[in-house]
Protein backbone atom coordinates (compact mmCIF):
# COMPACT_ATOMS: atom_id res chain seq x y z
CA UNK A 1 21.35 4.20 15.66
CA UNK A 2 23.63 2.20 18.23
CA UNK A 3 20.15 3.18 20.64
CA UNK A 4 17.76 1.47 17.55
CA UNK A 5 20.46 -1.84 17.43
CA UNK A 6 20.49 -2.78 21.26
CA UNK A 7 16.24 -1.96 21.31
CA UNK A 8 15.81 -4.77 18.57
CA UNK A 9 18.50 -6.77 19.53
CA UNK A 10 16.96 -6.65 23.11
CA UNK A 11 14.08 -8.58 21.39
CA UNK A 12 15.79 -11.45 19.99
CA UNK A 13 16.62 -10.08 16.48
CA UNK A 14 20.00 -10.06 14.68
CA UNK A 15 20.77 -6.50 13.80
CA UNK A 16 23.56 -5.60 10.37
CA UNK A 17 24.18 -2.36 9.68
CA UNK A 18 25.62 -2.18 5.72
CA UNK A 19 25.71 0.49 2.45
CA UNK A 20 22.82 0.34 0.18
CA UNK A 21 25.89 -0.45 -2.40
CA UNK A 22 27.34 -2.26 -1.29
CA UNK A 23 27.93 -5.65 -3.15
CA UNK A 24 28.88 -8.57 -1.17
CA UNK A 25 25.80 -8.04 0.76
CA UNK A 26 23.13 -10.67 0.63
CA UNK A 27 19.77 -8.83 0.88
CA UNK A 28 17.54 -11.88 0.33
CA UNK A 29 19.47 -13.11 4.00
CA UNK A 30 17.38 -9.99 5.69
CA UNK A 31 13.57 -10.28 7.05
CA UNK A 32 13.81 -6.35 6.73
CA UNK A 33 15.38 -3.37 5.91
CA UNK A 34 15.11 -0.16 7.28
CA UNK A 35 16.54 3.09 5.49
CA UNK A 36 18.14 5.61 7.50
CA UNK A 37 21.22 7.81 5.68
CA UNK A 38 21.89 6.80 2.41
CA UNK A 39 22.53 10.53 1.57
CA UNK A 40 24.57 9.95 -1.69
CA UNK A 41 21.21 8.67 -3.54
CA UNK A 42 19.76 12.09 -5.05
CA UNK A 43 23.72 11.97 -7.08
CA UNK A 44 23.06 8.40 -7.87
CA UNK A 45 19.71 8.07 -8.20
CA UNK A 46 18.94 5.99 -11.84
CA UNK A 47 21.32 3.75 -9.80
CA UNK A 48 19.39 4.06 -6.77
CA UNK A 49 16.29 3.38 -7.97
CA UNK A 50 17.41 0.48 -9.53
CA UNK A 51 19.10 -1.07 -6.19
CA UNK A 52 15.32 -0.12 -4.59
CA UNK A 53 13.57 -1.88 -7.21
CA UNK A 54 15.69 -5.21 -7.10
CA UNK A 55 15.77 -4.78 -3.50
CA UNK A 56 12.49 -4.30 -2.60
CA UNK A 57 11.85 -8.12 -4.19
CA UNK A 58 14.52 -9.89 -1.22
CA UNK A 59 13.35 -8.09 1.70
CA UNK A 60 10.91 -5.86 3.25
CA UNK A 61 11.27 -2.59 3.51
CA UNK A 62 10.80 -0.89 6.47
CA UNK A 63 8.18 1.90 4.97
CA UNK A 64 6.49 0.86 1.85
CA UNK A 65 8.66 1.19 -1.37
CA UNK A 66 5.98 3.53 -2.85
CA UNK A 67 5.89 5.37 -0.04
CA UNK A 68 9.49 6.05 -0.67
CA UNK A 69 9.44 7.36 -4.05
CA UNK A 70 6.70 9.02 -3.11
CA UNK A 71 8.79 10.68 -0.57
CA UNK A 72 12.35 10.95 -2.39
CA UNK A 73 10.04 13.93 -5.24
CA UNK A 74 9.80 17.11 -3.80
CA UNK A 75 6.13 16.75 -6.35
CA UNK A 76 4.10 15.31 -3.16
CA UNK A 77 4.79 18.87 -1.85
CA UNK A 78 1.73 19.56 -4.62
CA UNK A 79 0.12 16.41 -2.99
CA UNK A 80 0.03 18.05 -0.01
CA UNK A 81 -1.45 21.45 -1.42
CA UNK A 82 -4.28 19.65 -2.57
CA UNK A 83 -4.68 18.50 1.06
CA UNK A 84 -5.25 21.45 2.81
CA UNK A 85 -1.52 21.53 3.66
CA UNK A 86 0.41 24.93 3.15
CA UNK A 87 3.34 24.87 1.14
CA UNK A 88 5.97 27.90 0.38
CA UNK A 89 4.50 29.07 -3.43
CA UNK A 90 6.21 26.62 -5.69
CA UNK A 91 6.67 26.59 -9.48
CA UNK A 92 6.92 22.66 -10.30
CA UNK A 93 9.22 23.12 -14.11
CA UNK A 94 9.48 19.31 -15.37
CA UNK A 95 12.13 18.14 -17.18
CA UNK A 96 13.02 19.84 -20.68
CA UNK A 97 11.14 22.82 -20.43
CA UNK A 98 12.63 25.62 -22.84
CA UNK A 99 11.74 29.09 -20.27
CA UNK A 100 14.48 30.59 -19.28
CA UNK A 101 14.75 31.00 -15.36
CA UNK A 102 13.93 34.98 -15.78
CA UNK A 103 10.69 34.36 -17.87
CA UNK A 104 9.65 31.58 -15.05
CA UNK A 105 9.82 34.77 -12.53
CA UNK A 106 8.69 37.73 -14.33
CA UNK A 107 4.69 37.72 -12.78
CA UNK A 108 6.69 36.52 -9.68
CA UNK A 109 6.75 39.38 -6.65
CA UNK A 110 8.72 37.55 -4.22
CA UNK A 111 11.80 39.05 -2.73
CA UNK A 112 13.66 36.24 -2.82
CA UNK A 113 13.86 32.89 -4.56
CA UNK A 114 14.88 29.22 -4.11
CA UNK A 115 15.82 26.83 -7.33
CA UNK A 116 16.20 23.50 -6.35
CA UNK A 117 15.52 20.42 -8.17
CA UNK A 118 12.70 17.53 -7.31
CA UNK A 119 15.21 15.42 -6.67
CA UNK A 120 17.65 16.26 -3.96
CA UNK A 121 19.02 16.54 -0.37
CA UNK A 122 22.02 17.84 1.52
CA UNK A 123 21.56 21.46 -0.68
CA UNK A 124 22.51 19.97 -3.94
CA UNK A 125 22.57 22.47 -6.74
CA UNK A 126 20.16 24.53 -4.46
CA UNK A 127 20.11 28.52 -4.66
CA UNK A 128 19.01 30.98 -3.42
CA UNK A 129 18.61 34.44 -5.86
CA UNK A 130 16.38 37.75 -6.72
CA UNK A 131 14.99 39.18 -9.98
CA UNK A 132 18.81 40.74 -10.33
CA UNK A 133 20.68 37.87 -10.01
CA UNK A 134 18.41 35.68 -11.96
CA UNK A 135 20.77 35.37 -15.13
CA UNK A 136 23.38 34.24 -13.06
CA UNK A 137 21.84 30.91 -12.85
CA UNK A 138 20.84 30.83 -16.48
CA UNK A 139 23.39 28.30 -17.61
CA UNK A 140 23.52 26.18 -14.57
CA UNK A 141 18.73 26.19 -14.45
CA UNK A 142 19.36 25.04 -18.50
CA UNK A 143 21.56 22.49 -17.87
CA UNK A 144 19.92 20.91 -14.61
CA UNK A 145 16.77 21.08 -16.68
CA UNK A 146 17.66 19.16 -19.03
CA UNK A 147 17.93 16.23 -17.06
CA UNK A 148 15.51 17.07 -14.49
CA UNK A 149 12.17 18.47 -12.93
CA UNK A 150 13.12 21.51 -10.88
CA UNK A 151 11.39 23.82 -8.28
CA UNK A 152 11.29 27.55 -7.93
CA UNK A 153 9.88 28.69 -5.27
CA UNK A 154 9.37 31.82 -2.15
CA UNK A 155 12.33 31.78 -0.13
CA UNK A 156 11.16 31.28 3.45
CA UNK A 157 13.21 34.33 5.70
CA UNK A 158 12.53 32.33 8.99
CA UNK A 159 15.34 30.51 7.43
CA UNK A 160 17.66 32.02 8.03
CA UNK A 161 15.73 34.71 11.01
CA UNK A 162 14.65 32.28 13.33
CA UNK A 163 16.37 28.57 11.51
CA UNK A 164 13.88 25.20 10.59
CA UNK A 165 12.64 23.25 12.57
CA UNK A 166 12.24 18.95 12.32
CA UNK A 167 9.48 17.19 13.80
CA UNK A 168 9.98 13.17 14.19
CA UNK A 169 6.93 11.65 13.69
CA UNK A 170 7.12 7.96 14.52
CA UNK A 171 3.60 5.77 14.22
CA UNK A 172 1.79 8.62 13.20
CA UNK A 173 2.80 10.54 17.08
CA UNK A 174 5.15 13.01 17.52
CA UNK A 175 7.84 11.98 19.44
CA UNK A 176 11.14 14.56 19.25
CA UNK A 177 12.25 17.85 17.10
CA UNK A 178 15.60 19.39 16.43
CA UNK A 179 16.85 23.51 15.34
CA UNK A 180 19.05 23.21 12.37
CA UNK A 181 20.81 26.72 12.06
CA UNK A 182 22.38 27.87 9.22
CA UNK A 183 26.65 29.76 9.67
CA UNK A 184 26.39 33.45 9.52
CA UNK A 185 26.69 34.04 5.87
CA UNK A 186 24.85 31.18 4.47
CA UNK A 187 21.29 30.14 4.43
CA UNK A 188 21.71 26.65 3.60
CA UNK A 189 20.99 24.47 7.47
CA UNK A 190 23.09 21.46 6.50
CA UNK A 191 26.31 20.59 8.17
CA UNK A 192 27.52 20.19 4.92
CA UNK A 193 27.47 24.09 4.70
CA UNK A 194 28.09 24.41 8.48
CA UNK A 195 25.03 24.52 9.46
CA UNK A 196 24.34 23.55 13.40
CA UNK A 197 21.32 21.12 15.08
CA UNK A 198 19.30 22.45 18.54
CA UNK A 199 17.56 21.32 20.98
CA UNK A 200 13.72 22.37 20.28
CA UNK A 201 10.48 22.48 22.17
CA UNK A 202 7.39 22.73 20.44
CA UNK A 203 4.48 24.04 20.57
CA UNK A 204 0.92 22.12 20.16
CA UNK A 205 0.14 23.65 17.65
CA UNK A 206 3.26 23.16 15.63
CA UNK A 207 2.89 19.12 17.37
CA UNK A 208 -0.31 19.08 15.76
CA UNK A 209 0.29 20.28 12.77
CA UNK A 210 3.27 17.24 11.66
CA UNK A 211 0.81 15.21 12.72
CA UNK A 212 -1.37 16.18 10.56
CA UNK A 213 1.10 16.56 7.63
CA UNK A 214 2.29 12.93 7.91
CA UNK A 215 -1.55 11.88 8.50
CA UNK A 216 -2.02 13.07 4.72
CA UNK A 217 1.12 11.05 3.60
CA UNK A 218 -0.04 7.72 1.00
CA UNK A 219 -0.13 4.83 3.48
């Protein structure tokens, strides 16, 4: 963050960092706002969504509000798939659906499954399971689906075998990448659960794919 702030200051801009929910900050006093690490939005989404609507009228978000909202909800995966981007096999389960988790996966022959909310982050309510222990998640699934949409996906084993690669794309062009690895015995790569970050140099194919995916996002 300091590197970005210094670069903007050198261009003659005044830069301030604050929290999205700071009650004393006047957003109308700013020309632009750039989202950074709002890592509690998924725990307070109704409040955060209301704040975005209000604040977008007071300043200019660097990324447009419709794009931010689209990216927050993992239903964007279905949009990308329509545009020819391969995604993990995914079942979208909408709020209020009375189906059980066991019924949902009975016709799927995946080795392992991931359950996660459509709006989430930091591995919030993200579970790894198989058909033998799906019943253990039924009560959690029932409670969650009553209030929010959920995804069930085929678990991608390379996440634990090799790690998860994150490629950063700015202005449509690849800039850098990192490799996220879960701690031994876990599948979650987030540092909240002991995950670690490592340098990574993607090959040409990975870079081209990342840029293609970003080009498929709504403007």
